PDB file of N, CA and C in Angstrom:
ATOM      1  N   MET A   1       0.847  -1.186  -0.046  1.00  0.00           N
ATOM      2  CA  MET A   1      -0.069  -0.093   0.051  1.00  0.00           C
ATOM      3  C   MET A   1       0.888   1.222   0.109  1.00  0.00           C
ATOM      4  N   ALA A   2       0.296   2.373  -0.743  1.00  0.00           N
ATOM      5  CA  ALA A   2       1.138   3.416  -0.801  1.00  0.00           C
ATOM      6  C   ALA A   2       0.969   4.263   0.554  1.00  0.00           C
ATOM      7  N   LEU A   3       1.611   5.305   0.857  1.00  0.00           N
ATOM      8  CA  LEU A   3       1.475   6.239   1.892  1.00  0.00           C
ATOM      9  C   LEU A   3       0.266   6.808   2.040  1.00  0.00           C
ATOM     10  N   GLY A   4      -0.365   7.217   0.970  1.00  0.00           N
ATOM     11  CA  GLY A   4      -1.445   8.019   0.746  1.00  0.00           C
ATOM     12  C   GLY A   4      -2.776   7.142   1.064  1.00  0.00           C
ATOM     13  N   GLN A   5      -2.709   5.931   0.688  1.00  0.00           N
ATOM     14  CA  GLN A   5      -3.702   4.852   1.160  1.00  0.00           C
ATOM     15  C   GLN A   5      -3.896   4.743   2.644  1.00  0.00           C
ATOM     16  N   VAL A   6      -2.649   4.660   3.220  1.00  0.00           N
ATOM     17  CA  VAL A   6      -2.715   4.371   4.714  1.00  0.00           C
ATOM     18  C   VAL A   6      -3.094   5.818   5.336  1.00  0.00           C
ATOM     19  N   GLU A   7      -2.810   6.804   4.886  1.00  0.00           N
ATOM     20  CA  GLU A   7      -3.398   7.845   5.728  1.00  0.00           C
ATOM     21  C   GLU A   7      -4.868   8.048   5.433  1.00  0.00           C
ATOM     22  N   LEU A   8      -5.282   7.921   4.186  1.00  0.00           N
ATOM     23  CA  LEU A   8      -6.742   7.809   3.973  1.00  0.00           C
ATOM     24  C   LEU A   8      -7.547   6.820   4.884  1.00  0.00           C
ATOM     25  N   ALA A   9      -7.152   5.589   5.123  1.00  0.00           N
ATOM     26  CA  ALA A   9      -7.544   4.461   5.925  1.00  0.00           C
ATOM     27  C   ALA A   9      -7.682   5.027   7.329  1.00  0.00           C
ATOM     28  N   LEU A  10      -6.473   5.689   7.682  1.00  0.00           N
ATOM     29  CA  LEU A  10      -6.687   6.190   9.110  1.00  0.00           C
ATOM     30  C   LEU A  10      -7.577   7.314   9.354  1.00  0.00           C
ATOM     31  N   ARG A  11      -7.835   8.119   8.423  1.00  0.00           N
ATOM     32  CA  ARG A  11      -8.865   9.109   8.458  1.00  0.00           C
ATOM     33  C   ARG A  11     -10.060   8.735   8.544  1.00  0.00           C
ATOM     34  N   VAL A  12     -10.426   7.589   7.546  1.00  0.00           N
ATOM     35  CA  VAL A  12     -11.784   6.977   7.487  1.00  0.00           C
ATOM     36  C   VAL A  12     -11.955   6.483   8.849  1.00  0.00           C
ATOM     37  N   ILE A  13     -10.985   5.609   9.589  1.00  0.00           N
ATOM     38  CA  ILE A  13     -11.255   5.015  10.749  1.00  0.00           C
ATOM     39  C   ILE A  13     -11.493   5.987  11.855  1.00  0.00           C
ATOM     40  N   ALA A  14     -10.698   7.033  11.844  1.00  0.00           N
ATOM     41  CA  ALA A  14     -11.009   8.205  12.791  1.00  0.00           C
ATOM     42  C   ALA A  14     -12.414   8.820  12.717  1.00  0.00           C
ATOM     43  N   GLY A  15     -12.793   9.035  11.457  1.00  0.00           N
ATOM     44  CA  GLY A  15     -14.206   9.463  11.224  1.00  0.00           C
ATOM     45  C   GLY A  15     -15.070   8.697  11.691  1.00  0.00           C
ATOM     46  N   LEU A  16     -15.034   7.350  11.458  1.00  0.00           N
ATOM     47  CA  LEU A  16     -16.106   6.466  11.893  1.00  0.00           C
ATOM     48  C   LEU A  16     -15.975   6.468  13.490  1.00  0.00           C
ATOM     49  N   PHE A  17     -14.914   6.476  14.179  1.00  0.00           N
ATOM     50  CA  PHE A  17     -14.908   6.410  15.689  1.00  0.00           C
ATOM     51  C   PHE A  17     -15.423   7.738  16.036  1.00  0.00           C
ATOM     52  N   VAL A  18     -15.498   8.883  15.561  1.00  0.00           N
ATOM     53  CA  VAL A  18     -15.866  10.147  15.893  1.00  0.00           C
ATOM     54  C   VAL A  18     -17.420  10.096  15.886  1.00  0.00           C
ATOM     55  N   ILE A  19     -18.038   9.544  14.764  1.00  0.00           N
ATOM     56  CA  ILE A  19     -19.356   9.350  14.627  1.00  0.00           C
ATOM     57  C   ILE A  19     -20.004   8.319  15.450  1.00  0.00           C
ATOM     58  N   VAL A  20     -19.399   7.121  15.660  1.00  0.00           N
ATOM     59  CA  VAL A  20     -20.185   6.074  16.507  1.00  0.00           C
ATOM     60  C   VAL A  20     -19.905   6.151  17.871  1.00  0.00           C
ATOM     61  N   ALA A  21     -18.707   6.613  18.254  1.00  0.00           N
ATOM     62  CA  ALA A  21     -18.345   6.555  19.657  1.00  0.00           C
ATOM     63  C   ALA A  21     -19.216   7.192  20.505  1.00  0.00           C
ATOM     64  N   PRO A  22     -19.804   8.489  20.249  1.00  0.00           N
ATOM     65  CA  PRO A  22     -20.778   9.174  21.181  1.00  0.00           C
ATOM     66  C   PRO A  22     -22.165   8.287  21.379  1.00  0.00           C
ATOM     67  N   THR A  23     -22.752   7.691  20.298  1.00  0.00           N
ATOM     68  CA  THR A  23     -23.746   6.967  20.259  1.00  0.00           C
ATOM     69  C   THR A  23     -23.666   5.971  21.272  1.00  0.00           C
ATOM     70  N   LEU A  24     -22.505   5.158  21.130  1.00  0.00           N
ATOM     71  CA  LEU A  24     -22.181   3.757  21.807  1.00  0.00           C
ATOM     72  C   LEU A  24     -22.070   4.196  23.273  1.00  0.00           C
ATOM     73  N   LEU A  25     -21.378   5.308  23.692  1.00  0.00           N
ATOM     74  CA  LEU A  25     -21.137   5.891  25.025  1.00  0.00           C
ATOM     75  C   LEU A  25     -22.432   6.231  25.643  1.00  0.00           C
ATOM     76  N   PHE A  26     -23.396   7.074  24.816  1.00  0.00           N
ATOM     77  CA  PHE A  26     -24.769   7.182  25.519  1.00  0.00           C
ATOM     78  C   PHE A  26     -25.357   6.043  25.861  1.00  0.00           C
ATOM     79  N   LEU A  27     -25.551   4.895  24.680  1.00  0.00           N
ATOM     80  CA  LEU A  27     -26.155   3.910  25.109  1.00  0.00           C
ATOM     81  C   LEU A  27     -25.715   3.186  26.295  1.00  0.00           C
ATOM     82  N   GLY A  28     -24.361   3.163  26.470  1.00  0.00           N
ATOM     83  CA  GLY A  28     -23.926   2.502  27.641  1.00  0.00           C
ATOM     84  C   GLY A  28     -24.290   3.182  29.089  1.00  0.00           C
ATOM     85  N   LEU A  29     -24.169   4.370  28.872  1.00  0.00           N
ATOM     86  CA  LEU A  29     -24.724   5.370  30.039  1.00  0.00           C
ATOM     87  C   LEU A  29     -26.125   4.997  30.318  1.00  0.00           C
ATOM     88  N   TRP A  30     -26.989   4.957  29.299  1.00  0.00           N
ATOM     89  CA  TRP A  30     -28.350   4.569  29.632  1.00  0.00           C
ATOM     90  C   TRP A  30     -28.482   3.228  30.096  1.00  0.00           C
ATOM     91  N   ARG A  31     -27.874   2.239  29.458  1.00  0.00           N
ATOM     92  CA  ARG A  31     -28.058   0.916  30.123  1.00  0.00           C
ATOM     93  C   ARG A  31     -27.419   0.904  31.653  1.00  0.00           C
ATOM     94  N   GLY A  32     -26.429   1.661  31.825  1.00  0.00           N
ATOM     95  CA  GLY A  32     -25.844   1.668  33.192  1.00  0.00           C
ATOM     96  C   GLY A  32     -26.817   2.285  34.284  1.00  0.00           C
ATOM     97  N   LEU A  33     -27.354   3.379  33.686  1.00  0.00           N
ATOM     98  CA  LEU A  33     -28.421   3.976  34.724  1.00  0.00           C
ATOM     99  C   LEU A  33     -29.622   3.107  34.870  1.00  0.00           C
ATOM    100  N   GLU A  34     -30.097   2.522  33.853  1.00  0.00           N
ATOM    101  CA  GLU A  34     -31.349   1.442  34.329  1.00  0.00           C
ATOM    102  C   GLU A  34     -30.776   0.380  35.131  1.00  0.00           C
ATOM    103  N   ALA A  35     -29.570  -0.082  35.079  1.00  0.00           N
ATOM    104  CA  ALA A  35     -29.308  -1.101  35.994  1.00  0.00           C
ATOM    105  C   ALA A  35     -29.021  -0.588  37.324  1.00  0.00           C
ATOM    106  N   MET A  36     -28.846   0.724  37.549  1.00  0.00           N
ATOM    107  CA  MET A  36     -28.553   1.229  39.002  1.00  0.00           C
ATOM    108  C   MET A  36     -29.727   1.862  39.614  1.00  0.00           C
ATOM    109  N   ARG A  37     -30.759   1.952  38.650  1.00  0.00           N
ATOM    110  CA  ARG A  37     -32.035   2.571  39.363  1.00  0.00           C
ATOM    111  C   ARG A  37     -32.603   1.974  40.454  1.00  0.00           C
ATOM    112  N   ASP A  38     -33.196   2.675  41.406  1.00  0.00           N
ATOM    113  CA  ASP A  38     -33.826   2.140  42.629  1.00  0.00           C
ATOM    114  C   ASP A  38     -35.133   1.846  42.357  1.00  0.00           C
ATOM    115  N   ASP A  39     -35.606   0.557  42.155  1.00  0.00           N
ATOM    116  CA  ASP A  39     -37.092   0.329  41.775  1.00  0.00           C
ATOM    117  C   ASP A  39     -38.100   0.840  42.939  1.00  0.00           C
ATOM    118  N   GLU A  40     -37.587   0.444  44.217  1.00  0.00           N
ATOM    119  CA  GLU A  40     -38.386   1.025  45.411  1.00  0.00           C
ATOM    120  C   GLU A  40     -38.804   2.519  45.215  1.00  0.00           C
ATOM    121  N   LEU A  41     -37.688   3.208  45.029  1.00  0.00           N
ATOM    122  CA  LEU A  41     -37.780   4.645  44.995  1.00  0.00           C
ATOM    123  C   LEU A  41     -38.812   5.101  43.771  1.00  0.00           C
ATOM    124  N   ILE A  42     -38.782   4.359  42.826  1.00  0.00           N
ATOM    125  CA  ILE A  42     -39.598   4.716  41.581  1.00  0.00           C
ATOM    126  C   ILE A  42     -41.052   4.359  41.876  1.00  0.00           C
ATOM    127  N   GLN A  43     -41.231   3.293  42.727  1.00  0.00           N
ATOM    128  CA  GLN A  43     -42.710   3.004  43.304  1.00  0.00           C
ATOM    129  C   GLN A  43     -43.153   4.061  44.227  1.00  0.00           C
ATOM    130  N   GLN A  44     -42.405   4.538  45.097  1.00  0.00           N
ATOM    131  CA  GLN A  44     -42.952   5.635  45.920  1.00  0.00           C
ATOM    132  C   GLN A  44     -42.985   6.759  45.333  1.00  0.00           C
ATOM    133  N   VAL A  45     -42.268   7.192  44.268  1.00  0.00           N
ATOM    134  CA  VAL A  45     -42.769   8.448  43.350  1.00  0.00           C
ATOM    135  C   VAL A  45     -43.908   8.307  42.692  1.00  0.00           C
ATOM    136  N   HIS A  46     -44.288   7.083  42.186  1.00  0.00           N
ATOM    137  CA  HIS A  46     -45.354   6.876  41.443  1.00  0.00           C
ATOM    138  C   HIS A  46     -46.634   6.807  42.431  1.00  0.00           C
ATOM    139  N   GLN A  47     -46.477   6.188  43.563  1.00  0.00           N
ATOM    140  CA  GLN A  47     -47.576   6.378  44.674  1.00  0.00           C
ATOM    141  C   GLN A  47     -47.817   7.781  45.008  1.00  0.00           C
ATOM    142  N   HIS A  48     -46.836   8.479  45.099  1.00  0.00           N
ATOM    143  CA  HIS A  48     -46.867   9.865  45.590  1.00  0.00           C
ATOM    144  C   HIS A  48     -47.647  10.715  44.577  1.00  0.00           C
ATOM    145  N   ALA A  49     -47.402  10.552  43.258  1.00  0.00           N
ATOM    146  CA  ALA A  49     -48.001  11.109  42.145  1.00  0.00           C
ATOM    147  C   ALA A  49     -49.568  10.708  41.953  1.00  0.00           C
ATOM    148  N   GLU A  50     -49.931   9.377  42.248  1.00  0.00           N
ATOM    149  CA  GLU A  50     -51.221   9.135  42.153  1.00  0.00           C
ATOM    150  C   GLU A  50     -51.986   9.721  43.416  1.00  0.00           C
ATOM    151  N   MET A  51     -51.325   9.765  44.512  1.00  0.00           N
ATOM    152  CA  MET A  51     -52.070  10.413  45.511  1.00  0.00           C
ATOM    153  C   MET A  51     -52.464  12.034  45.534  1.00  0.00           C
ATOM    154  N   GLN A  52     -51.218  12.610  44.786  1.00  0.00           N
ATOM    155  CA  GLN A  52     -51.404  13.940  44.287  1.00  0.00           C
ATOM    156  C   GLN A  52     -52.507  14.199  43.085  1.00  0.00           C
ATOM    157  N   ASP A  53     -52.752  13.250  42.552  1.00  0.00           N
ATOM    158  CA  ASP A  53     -53.800  13.190  41.160  1.00  0.00           C
ATOM    159  C   ASP A  53     -55.235  13.173  42.017  1.00  0.00           C
ATOM    160  N   GLN A  54     -55.288  12.131  43.073  1.00  0.00           N
ATOM    161  CA  GLN A  54     -56.480  12.177  43.762  1.00  0.00           C
ATOM    162  C   GLN A  54     -56.916  13.236  44.361  1.00  0.00           C
ATOM    163  N   SER A  55     -55.803  13.908  45.069  1.00  0.00           N
ATOM    164  CA  SER A  55     -56.229  15.146  45.945  1.00  0.00           C
ATOM    165  C   SER A  55     -56.694  16.178  45.001  1.00  0.00           C
ATOM    166  N   LEU A  56     -56.360  16.396  43.917  1.00  0.00           N
ATOM    167  CA  LEU A  56     -56.675  17.275  42.963  1.00  0.00           C
ATOM    168  C   LEU A  56     -58.150  17.087  42.313  1.00  0.00           C
ATOM    169  N   THR A  57     -58.448  16.081  42.492  1.00  0.00           N
ATOM    170  CA  THR A  57     -59.986  15.688  41.883  1.00  0.00           C
ATOM    171  C   THR A  57     -61.052  16.403  42.791  1.00  0.00           C
ATOM    172  N   GLY A  58     -60.750  16.622  44.131  1.00  0.00           N
ATOM    173  CA  GLY A  58     -61.627  17.432  44.797  1.00  0.00           C
ATOM    174  C   GLY A  58     -61.495  16.835  46.513  1.00  0.00           C
ATOM    175  N   PRO A  59     -62.312  17.763  47.232  1.00  0.00           N
ATOM    176  CA  PRO A  59     -62.113  17.234  48.600  1.00  0.00           C
ATOM    177  C   PRO A  59     -62.946  15.994  48.934  1.00  0.00           C
ATOM    178  N   ASP A  60     -62.630  15.551  50.107  1.00  0.00           N
ATOM    179  CA  ASP A  60     -63.404  14.411  50.697  1.00  0.00           C
ATOM    180  C   ASP A  60     -64.792  14.800  51.324  1.00  0.00           C
ATOM    181  N   TRP A  61     -64.709  16.047  51.677  1.00  0.00           N
ATOM    182  CA  TRP A  61     -65.964  16.636  52.620  1.00  0.00           C
ATOM    183  C   TRP A  61     -67.059  17.002  51.554  1.00  0.00           C
ATOM    184  N   PRO A  62     -68.284  17.103  52.077  1.00  0.00           N
ATOM    185  CA  PRO A  62     -69.447  17.649  51.076  1.00  0.00           C
ATOM    186  C   PRO A  62     -69.090  19.047  50.906  1.00  0.00           C
ATOM    187  N   ALA A  63     -69.715  19.433  49.738  1.00  0.00           N
ATOM    188  CA  ALA A  63     -69.785  20.805  49.572  1.00  0.00           C
ATOM    189  C   ALA A  63     -70.641  21.972  50.498  1.00  0.00           C
ATOM    190  N   ASP A  64     -71.600  21.260  51.082  1.00  0.00           N
ATOM    191  CA  ASP A  64     -72.452  22.157  51.875  1.00  0.00           C
ATOM    192  C   ASP A  64     -71.562  22.735  52.942  1.00  0.00           C
ATOM    193  N   ALA A  65     -70.598  21.780  53.515  1.00  0.00           N
ATOM    194  CA  ALA A  65     -69.823  22.455  54.717  1.00  0.00           C
ATOM    195  C   ALA A  65     -69.055  23.737  54.366  1.00  0.00           C
ATOM    196  N   ILE A  66     -68.797  23.780  53.033  1.00  0.00           N
ATOM    197  CA  ILE A  66     -67.853  24.886  52.532  1.00  0.00           C
ATOM    198  C   ILE A  66     -68.996  26.116  52.535  1.00  0.00           C
ATOM    199  N   LEU A  67     -70.148  25.949  52.015  1.00  0.00           N
ATOM    200  CA  LEU A  67     -71.210  26.911  51.634  1.00  0.00           C
ATOM    201  C   LEU A  67     -71.764  27.394  52.975  1.00  0.00           C
ATOM    202  N   ASP A  68     -71.635  26.705  54.193  1.00  0.00           N
ATOM    203  CA  ASP A  68     -72.335  27.190  55.267  1.00  0.00           C
ATOM    204  C   ASP A  68     -71.634  28.388  55.928  1.00  0.00           C
ATOM    205  N   ASP A  69     -72.434  29.442  56.154  1.00  0.00           N
ATOM    206  CA  ASP A  69     -71.643  30.420  56.486  1.00  0.00           C
ATOM    207  C   ASP A  69     -70.941  30.276  58.112  1.00  0.00           C
ATOM    208  N   GLU A  70     -71.642  29.578  58.972  1.00  0.00           N
ATOM    209  CA  GLU A  70     -71.068  29.380  60.169  1.00  0.00           C
ATOM    210  C   GLU A  70     -69.770  28.604  60.197  1.00  0.00           C
ATOM    211  N   SER A  71     -69.609  27.520  59.334  1.00  0.00           N
ATOM    212  CA  SER A  71     -68.279  26.837  59.131  1.00  0.00           C
ATOM    213  C   SER A  71     -67.231  27.418  58.293  1.00  0.00           C
ATOM    214  N   SER A  72     -67.519  28.383  57.827  1.00  0.00           N
ATOM    215  CA  SER A  72     -66.622  29.181  56.825  1.00  0.00           C
ATOM    216  C   SER A  72     -65.332  29.501  57.626  1.00  0.00           C
ATOM    217  N   PRO A  73     -64.108  29.250  57.292  1.00  0.00           N
ATOM    218  CA  PRO A  73     -62.812  29.712  57.771  1.00  0.00           C
ATOM    219  C   PRO A  73     -62.869  31.336  57.792  1.00  0.00           C
ATOM    220  N   LEU A  74     -63.384  31.739  56.911  1.00  0.00           N
ATOM    221  CA  LEU A  74     -63.316  33.419  57.019  1.00  0.00           C
ATOM    222  C   LEU A  74     -64.305  33.868  57.981  1.00  0.00           C
ATOM    223  N   SER A  75     -65.363  33.182  58.321  1.00  0.00           N
ATOM    224  CA  SER A  75     -66.427  33.721  59.392  1.00  0.00           C
ATOM    225  C   SER A  75     -65.758  33.590  60.742  1.00  0.00           C
ATOM    226  N   GLU A  76     -64.760  32.606  60.980  1.00  0.00           N
ATOM    227  CA  GLU A  76     -64.199  32.401  62.218  1.00  0.00           C
ATOM    228  C   GLU A  76     -63.176  33.402  62.751  1.00  0.00           C
ATOM    229  N   THR A  77     -62.498  34.075  61.550  1.00  0.00           N
ATOM    230  CA  THR A  77     -61.413  35.051  61.864  1.00  0.00           C
ATOM    231  C   THR A  77     -62.174  36.331  62.084  1.00  0.00           C
ATOM    232  N   SER A  78     -61.358  37.589  62.332  1.00  0.00           N
ATOM    233  CA  SER A  78     -61.715  38.702  62.391  1.00  0.00           C
ATOM    234  C   SER A  78     -61.700  39.531  61.256  1.00  0.00           C
ATOM    235  N   LEU A  79     -61.369  38.870  60.062  1.00  0.00           N
ATOM    236  CA  LEU A  79     -61.195  39.487  58.859  1.00  0.00           C
ATOM    237  C   LEU A  79     -62.558  39.860  58.113  1.00  0.00           C
ATOM    238  N   SER A  80     -62.423  41.059  57.404  1.00  0.00           N
ATOM    239  CA  SER A  80     -63.769  41.577  56.871  1.00  0.00           C
ATOM    240  C   SER A  80     -64.141  40.770  55.734  1.00  0.00           C
ATOM    241  N   VAL A  81     -65.270  40.488  55.350  1.00  0.00           N
ATOM    242  CA  VAL A  81     -65.810  39.392  54.337  1.00  0.00           C
ATOM    243  C   VAL A  81     -66.460  40.090  53.467  1.00  0.00           C
ATOM    244  N   VAL A  82     -66.385  39.839  51.932  1.00  0.00           N
ATOM    245  CA  VAL A  82     -67.005  40.466  51.056  1.00  0.00           C
ATOM    246  C   VAL A  82     -67.747  39.181  50.282  1.00  0.00           C
ATOM    247  N   THR A  83     -69.092  39.010  50.114  1.00  0.00           N
ATOM    248  CA  THR A  83     -69.651  38.030  49.432  1.00  0.00           C
ATOM    249  C   THR A  83     -69.806  38.256  48.055  1.00  0.00           C
ATOM    250  N   CYS A  84     -69.639  37.207  47.192  1.00  0.00           N
ATOM    251  CA  CYS A  84     -69.832  37.272  45.788  1.00  0.00           C
ATOM    252  C   CYS A  84     -71.020  37.225  45.561  1.00  0.00           C
ATOM    253  N   ALA A  85     -71.560  38.282  44.436  1.00  0.00           N
ATOM    254  CA  ALA A  85     -73.046  38.488  44.013  1.00  0.00           C
ATOM    255  C   ALA A  85     -73.404  37.457  43.233  1.00  0.00           C
ATOM    256  N   THR A  86     -72.365  36.647  42.651  1.00  0.00           N
ATOM    257  CA  THR A  86     -72.869  35.585  41.406  1.00  0.00           C
ATOM    258  C   THR A  86     -73.102  34.341  42.268  1.00  0.00           C
ATOM    259  N   CYS A  87     -72.095  34.024  43.030  1.00  0.00           N
ATOM    260  CA  CYS A  87     -72.094  32.544  43.636  1.00  0.00           C
ATOM    261  C   CYS A  87     -72.338  32.538  45.136  1.00  0.00           C
ATOM    262  N   GLY A  88     -72.124  33.536  45.741  1.00  0.00           N
ATOM    263  CA  GLY A  88     -72.546  33.793  47.167  1.00  0.00           C
ATOM    264  C   GLY A  88     -71.335  33.343  47.929  1.00  0.00           C
ATOM    265  N   THR A  89     -69.998  33.103  47.439  1.00  0.00           N
ATOM    266  CA  THR A  89     -68.971  32.690  48.288  1.00  0.00           C
ATOM    267  C   THR A  89     -68.424  33.749  49.031  1.00  0.00           C
ATOM    268  N   PRO A  90     -67.921  33.474  50.196  1.00  0.00           N
ATOM    269  CA  PRO A  90     -67.331  34.714  51.035  1.00  0.00           C
ATOM    270  C   PRO A  90     -65.926  34.900  50.669  1.00  0.00           C
ATOM    271  N   ASN A  91     -65.302  36.165  50.326  1.00  0.00           N
ATOM    272  CA  ASN A  91     -64.052  36.314  50.083  1.00  0.00           C
ATOM    273  C   ASN A  91     -63.561  37.418  51.013  1.00  0.00           C
ATOM    274  N   MET A  92     -62.360  37.447  51.108  1.00  0.00           N
ATOM    275  CA  MET A  92     -61.477  38.329  51.794  1.00  0.00           C
ATOM    276  C   MET A  92     -61.930  39.865  51.211  1.00  0.00           C
ATOM    277  N   GLU A  93     -61.742  41.075  52.122  1.00  0.00           N
ATOM    278  CA  GLU A  93     -62.232  42.200  51.786  1.00  0.00           C
ATOM    279  C   GLU A  93     -61.315  42.887  50.507  1.00  0.00           C
ATOM    280  N   ASP A  94     -60.015  42.536  50.542  1.00  0.00           N
ATOM    281  CA  ASP A  94     -59.051  43.102  49.694  1.00  0.00           C
ATOM    282  C   ASP A  94     -59.061  42.408  48.509  1.00  0.00           C
ATOM    283  N   ALA A  95     -59.762  41.238  48.160  1.00  0.00           N
ATOM    284  CA  ALA A  95     -59.795  40.415  46.920  1.00  0.00           C
ATOM    285  C   ALA A  95     -60.369  40.873  45.819  1.00  0.00           C
ATOM    286  N   SER A  96     -59.857  40.720  44.700  1.00  0.00           N
ATOM    287  CA  SER A  96     -60.444  41.701  43.427  1.00  0.00           C
ATOM    288  C   SER A  96     -61.486  40.715  42.815  1.00  0.00           C
ATOM    289  N   TYR A  97     -61.184  39.377  42.695  1.00  0.00           N
ATOM    290  CA  TYR A  97     -61.992  38.314  42.081  1.00  0.00           C
ATOM    291  C   TYR A  97     -62.329  37.366  43.287  1.00  0.00           C
ATOM    292  N   CYS A  98     -63.435  36.717  42.986  1.00  0.00           N
ATOM    293  CA  CYS A  98     -64.109  35.670  43.661  1.00  0.00           C
ATOM    294  C   CYS A  98     -63.024  34.514  43.608  1.00  0.00           C
ATOM    295  N   GLN A  99     -63.030  33.713  44.844  1.00  0.00           N
ATOM    296  CA  GLN A  99     -61.988  32.681  44.774  1.00  0.00           C
ATOM    297  C   GLN A  99     -62.721  31.231  44.211  1.00  0.00           C
ATOM    298  N   GLU A 100     -64.063  31.428  43.815  1.00  0.00           N
ATOM    299  CA  GLU A 100     -64.895  30.163  43.401  1.00  0.00           C
ATOM    300  C   GLU A 100     -65.053  30.395  42.115  1.00  0.00           C
ATOM    301  N   CYS A 101     -65.917  31.473  41.633  1.00  0.00           N
ATOM    302  CA  CYS A 101     -66.168  31.589  40.110  1.00  0.00           C
ATOM    303  C   CYS A 101     -65.320  32.587  39.511  1.00  0.00           C
ATOM    304  N   LEU A 102     -64.396  33.329  40.029  1.00  0.00           N
ATOM    305  CA  LEU A 102     -63.448  34.319  39.344  1.00  0.00           C
ATOM    306  C   LEU A 102     -64.181  35.473  38.809  1.00  0.00           C
ATOM    307  N   THR A 103     -65.442  35.648  39.353  1.00  0.00           N
ATOM    308  CA  THR A 103     -66.097  37.126  38.905  1.00  0.00           C
ATOM    309  C   THR A 103     -65.447  38.157  39.685  1.00  0.00           C
ATOM    310  N   GLU A 104     -65.209  39.271  38.854  1.00  0.00           N
ATOM    311  CA  GLU A 104     -64.708  40.586  39.630  1.00  0.00           C
ATOM    312  C   GLU A 104     -65.579  40.994  40.615  1.00  0.00           C
ATOM    313  N   LEU A 105     -65.040  41.218  41.884  1.00  0.00           N
ATOM    314  CA  LEU A 105     -65.725  41.747  43.015  1.00  0.00           C
ATOM    315  C   LEU A 105     -65.761  43.249  43.037  1.00  0.00           C
ATOM    316  N   GLU A 106     -66.938  43.747  43.622  1.00  0.00           N
ATOM    317  CA  GLU A 106     -67.009  45.211  43.638  1.00  0.00           C
ATOM    318  C   GLU A 106     -66.409  45.978  44.889  1.00  0.00           C
TER     319      GLU A 106
END
């Protein structure tokens, strides 16, 4: 082989290495991380996420308890209360919008 062909072969080999090596290293890292992952921790995270999703669906108490003026948390404090004209929800005096229906308060 001539010297030009050896140099060309080395450049092609170096180019292939530069193209293929990052992909192989990434796949090796991915496999290593999968092997090291803590399955118990993943289960706990999934359970916590499910609990969060369930809590976003709504409260466990009836809506009548919230609408009752005597059991309202705002009525137990010394804060001034503004009642929404649309839905009747008590809101703090400095609120601009109703916390329930988002209607602008007067």
